[in-house]
C-alpha cells in the first residue's frame, strides 16, 4: 500500500510539473526563483521550519502553474 501511494503521488506530481513547464508565466517563474532563493537561505541558516515552508510553497506554486485544479486536489488527498 505504501509503495502504491508513493507511486501515485510521484506520478501525479510529475504530470503537474510537466504541465507547469508548458504553461508557467514569467510572473510565476519569478516567484519560483524567489522561493528557491529563500529556501537556500533557510538551508544556510539552519531554519528547519522555513525549509518546510519554502519547500511546500515551491511545490504548491508548481501545482498551481499546471492549471489543473482537479489533479492538484487529487494529489493533496
N, C-alpha and C. Protein backbone atom coordinates (compact mmCIF):
# COMPACT_ATOMS: atom_id res chain seq x y z
N UNK A 1 0.81 -1.19 0.00
CA UNK A 1 0.00 0.00 0.00
C UNK A 1 0.86 1.26 0.00
N UNK A 2 1.90 1.26 0.82
CA UNK A 2 2.77 2.43 0.89
C UNK A 2 3.44 2.67 -0.46
N UNK A 3 3.93 1.60 -1.06
CA UNK A 3 4.57 1.71 -2.38
C UNK A 3 3.60 2.30 -3.39
N UNK A 4 2.39 1.80 -3.41
CA UNK A 4 1.38 2.28 -4.35
C UNK A 4 1.04 3.74 -4.11
N UNK A 5 0.93 4.12 -2.86
CA UNK A 5 0.61 5.50 -2.52
C UNK A 5 1.70 6.46 -3.01
N UNK A 6 2.95 6.12 -2.74
CA UNK A 6 4.04 7.00 -3.17
C UNK A 6 4.19 6.99 -4.69
N UNK A 7 3.92 5.87 -5.32
CA UNK A 7 3.95 5.81 -6.79
C UNK A 7 2.89 6.75 -7.37
N UNK A 8 1.69 6.70 -6.82
CA UNK A 8 0.60 7.56 -7.30
C UNK A 8 0.94 9.03 -7.09
N UNK A 9 1.48 9.38 -5.93
CA UNK A 9 1.85 10.76 -5.66
C UNK A 9 2.95 11.23 -6.62
N UNK A 10 3.95 10.40 -6.84
CA UNK A 10 5.04 10.76 -7.75
C UNK A 10 4.54 10.92 -9.17
N UNK A 11 3.65 10.04 -9.59
CA UNK A 11 3.11 10.12 -10.94
C UNK A 11 2.30 11.40 -11.13
N UNK A 12 1.44 11.72 -10.18
CA UNK A 12 0.64 12.94 -10.28
C UNK A 12 1.52 14.18 -10.21
N UNK A 13 2.49 14.19 -9.32
CA UNK A 13 3.38 15.34 -9.20
C UNK A 13 4.19 15.53 -10.48
N UNK A 14 4.62 14.45 -11.08
CA UNK A 14 5.36 14.53 -12.34
C UNK A 14 4.51 15.10 -13.46
N UNK A 15 3.26 14.68 -13.52
CA UNK A 15 2.34 15.21 -14.53
C UNK A 15 2.08 16.70 -14.31
N UNK A 16 1.89 17.09 -13.07
CA UNK A 16 1.69 18.51 -12.77
C UNK A 16 2.92 19.33 -13.14
N UNK A 17 4.10 18.83 -12.85
CA UNK A 17 5.33 19.54 -13.21
C UNK A 17 5.46 19.67 -14.72
N UNK A 18 5.12 18.62 -15.44
CA UNK A 18 5.17 18.67 -16.90
C UNK A 18 4.22 19.73 -17.45
N UNK A 19 3.01 19.75 -16.92
CA UNK A 19 2.04 20.74 -17.37
C UNK A 19 2.48 22.15 -17.00
N UNK A 20 3.03 22.31 -15.81
CA UNK A 20 3.50 23.63 -15.38
C UNK A 20 4.62 24.12 -16.29
N UNK A 21 5.52 23.23 -16.68
CA UNK A 21 6.64 23.62 -17.54
C UNK A 21 6.15 24.16 -18.88
N UNK A 22 5.00 23.69 -19.31
CA UNK A 22 4.45 24.12 -20.61
C UNK A 22 3.64 25.40 -20.52
N UNK A 23 3.15 25.74 -19.33
CA UNK A 23 2.22 26.87 -19.23
C UNK A 23 2.61 27.94 -18.21
N UNK A 24 3.74 27.79 -17.56
CA UNK A 24 4.11 28.73 -16.50
C UNK A 24 4.34 30.12 -17.06
N UNK A 25 3.88 31.12 -16.34
CA UNK A 25 4.05 32.51 -16.77
C UNK A 25 5.38 33.05 -16.23
N UNK A 26 5.81 34.16 -16.78
CA UNK A 26 7.04 34.79 -16.30
C UNK A 26 6.89 35.19 -14.83
N UNK A 27 5.73 35.66 -14.46
CA UNK A 27 5.49 36.05 -13.07
C UNK A 27 5.60 34.83 -12.14
N UNK A 28 5.00 33.73 -12.54
CA UNK A 28 5.06 32.50 -11.73
C UNK A 28 6.50 31.99 -11.64
N UNK A 29 7.22 32.10 -12.74
CA UNK A 29 8.62 31.66 -12.75
C UNK A 29 9.48 32.53 -11.83
N UNK A 30 9.23 33.83 -11.84
CA UNK A 30 9.94 34.73 -10.92
C UNK A 30 9.65 34.37 -9.47
N UNK A 31 8.37 34.05 -9.20
CA UNK A 31 8.01 33.65 -7.84
C UNK A 31 8.75 32.38 -7.44
N UNK A 32 8.81 31.40 -8.34
CA UNK A 32 9.54 30.17 -8.03
C UNK A 32 11.01 30.46 -7.74
N UNK A 33 11.61 31.35 -8.52
CA UNK A 33 13.01 31.71 -8.30
C UNK A 33 13.20 32.32 -6.92
N UNK A 34 12.27 33.16 -6.49
CA UNK A 34 12.39 33.78 -5.17
C UNK A 34 12.21 32.74 -4.06
N UNK A 35 11.35 31.78 -4.29
CA UNK A 35 11.14 30.70 -3.31
C UNK A 35 12.41 29.85 -3.20
N UNK A 36 13.02 29.55 -4.34
CA UNK A 36 14.27 28.77 -4.33
C UNK A 36 15.36 29.53 -3.58
N UNK A 37 15.47 30.83 -3.81
CA UNK A 37 16.46 31.64 -3.09
C UNK A 37 16.20 31.64 -1.59
N UNK A 38 14.93 31.79 -1.21
CA UNK A 38 14.58 31.79 0.21
C UNK A 38 14.86 30.43 0.83
N UNK A 39 14.60 29.37 0.08
CA UNK A 39 14.87 28.01 0.57
C UNK A 39 16.36 27.82 0.81
N UNK A 40 17.17 28.30 -0.13
CA UNK A 40 18.63 28.19 0.02
C UNK A 40 19.11 28.97 1.25
N UNK A 41 18.56 30.14 1.46
CA UNK A 41 18.93 30.94 2.63
C UNK A 41 18.53 30.22 3.92
N UNK A 42 17.35 29.62 3.92
CA UNK A 42 16.90 28.88 5.09
C UNK A 42 17.82 27.69 5.37
N UNK A 43 18.28 27.04 4.31
CA UNK A 43 19.19 25.90 4.48
C UNK A 43 20.52 26.37 5.08
N UNK A 44 21.01 27.50 4.60
CA UNK A 44 22.27 28.04 5.12
C UNK A 44 22.16 28.45 6.58
N UNK A 45 21.00 28.97 6.96
CA UNK A 45 20.82 29.44 8.34
C UNK A 45 20.35 28.33 9.29
N UNK A 46 20.02 27.16 8.73
CA UNK A 46 19.61 26.04 9.56
C UNK A 46 18.20 26.14 10.09
N UNK A 47 17.36 26.87 9.40
CA UNK A 47 15.98 27.04 9.84
C UNK A 47 15.09 25.93 9.28
N UNK A 48 14.86 24.92 10.08
CA UNK A 48 14.06 23.78 9.63
C UNK A 48 12.62 24.17 9.30
N UNK A 49 12.02 25.03 10.10
CA UNK A 49 10.65 25.46 9.84
C UNK A 49 10.54 26.19 8.50
N UNK A 50 11.51 27.05 8.22
CA UNK A 50 11.50 27.78 6.95
C UNK A 50 11.74 26.84 5.78
N UNK A 51 12.58 25.84 5.97
CA UNK A 51 12.81 24.85 4.90
C UNK A 51 11.51 24.16 4.52
N UNK A 52 10.75 23.77 5.52
CA UNK A 52 9.47 23.11 5.27
C UNK A 52 8.51 24.08 4.57
N UNK A 53 8.45 25.31 5.07
CA UNK A 53 7.55 26.31 4.49
C UNK A 53 7.88 26.58 3.04
N UNK A 54 9.15 26.81 2.73
CA UNK A 54 9.53 27.13 1.35
C UNK A 54 9.47 25.90 0.44
N UNK A 55 9.74 24.73 0.98
CA UNK A 55 9.58 23.51 0.19
C UNK A 55 8.12 23.31 -0.21
N UNK A 56 7.23 23.52 0.74
CA UNK A 56 5.81 23.41 0.46
C UNK A 56 5.38 24.46 -0.56
N UNK A 57 5.83 25.68 -0.39
CA UNK A 57 5.45 26.76 -1.30
C UNK A 57 5.95 26.50 -2.73
N UNK A 58 7.14 25.92 -2.85
CA UNK A 58 7.66 25.59 -4.18
C UNK A 58 6.73 24.61 -4.90
N UNK A 59 6.41 23.53 -4.23
CA UNK A 59 5.55 22.51 -4.85
C UNK A 59 4.14 23.04 -5.09
N UNK A 60 3.63 23.82 -4.17
CA UNK A 60 2.30 24.42 -4.34
C UNK A 60 2.29 25.32 -5.57
N UNK A 61 3.34 26.11 -5.74
CA UNK A 61 3.42 27.03 -6.88
C UNK A 61 3.50 26.28 -8.20
N UNK A 62 4.27 25.21 -8.24
CA UNK A 62 4.34 24.39 -9.45
C UNK A 62 2.96 23.80 -9.75
N UNK A 63 2.32 23.28 -8.74
CA UNK A 63 1.00 22.68 -8.93
C UNK A 63 -0.02 23.69 -9.45
N UNK A 64 0.01 24.89 -8.91
CA UNK A 64 -0.91 25.93 -9.38
C UNK A 64 -0.60 26.35 -10.81
N UNK A 65 0.68 26.40 -11.17
CA UNK A 65 1.07 26.78 -12.52
C UNK A 65 0.63 25.74 -13.55
N UNK A 66 0.36 24.52 -13.09
CA UNK A 66 -0.07 23.46 -14.00
C UNK A 66 -1.49 23.67 -14.51
N UNK A 67 -2.23 24.53 -13.83
CA UNK A 67 -3.62 24.82 -14.22
C UNK A 67 -4.48 23.56 -14.29
N UNK A 68 -4.35 22.71 -13.32
CA UNK A 68 -5.16 21.50 -13.24
C UNK A 68 -5.67 21.35 -11.81
N UNK A 69 -6.76 22.04 -11.53
CA UNK A 69 -7.30 22.06 -10.18
C UNK A 69 -7.64 20.66 -9.68
N UNK A 70 -8.26 19.86 -10.51
CA UNK A 70 -8.69 18.52 -10.09
C UNK A 70 -7.49 17.63 -9.78
N UNK A 71 -6.47 17.63 -10.63
CA UNK A 71 -5.29 16.80 -10.38
C UNK A 71 -4.56 17.26 -9.12
N UNK A 72 -4.50 18.57 -8.93
CA UNK A 72 -3.88 19.10 -7.71
C UNK A 72 -4.65 18.67 -6.48
N UNK A 73 -5.97 18.68 -6.56
CA UNK A 73 -6.79 18.23 -5.43
C UNK A 73 -6.59 16.74 -5.17
N UNK A 74 -6.48 15.95 -6.21
CA UNK A 74 -6.23 14.51 -6.02
C UNK A 74 -4.89 14.28 -5.34
N UNK A 75 -3.88 15.03 -5.75
CA UNK A 75 -2.56 14.88 -5.13
C UNK A 75 -2.60 15.24 -3.66
N UNK A 76 -3.40 16.23 -3.31
CA UNK A 76 -3.50 16.66 -1.91
C UNK A 76 -4.15 15.62 -1.02
N UNK A 77 -4.90 14.69 -1.62
CA UNK A 77 -5.55 13.68 -0.80
C UNK A 77 -4.57 12.60 -0.46
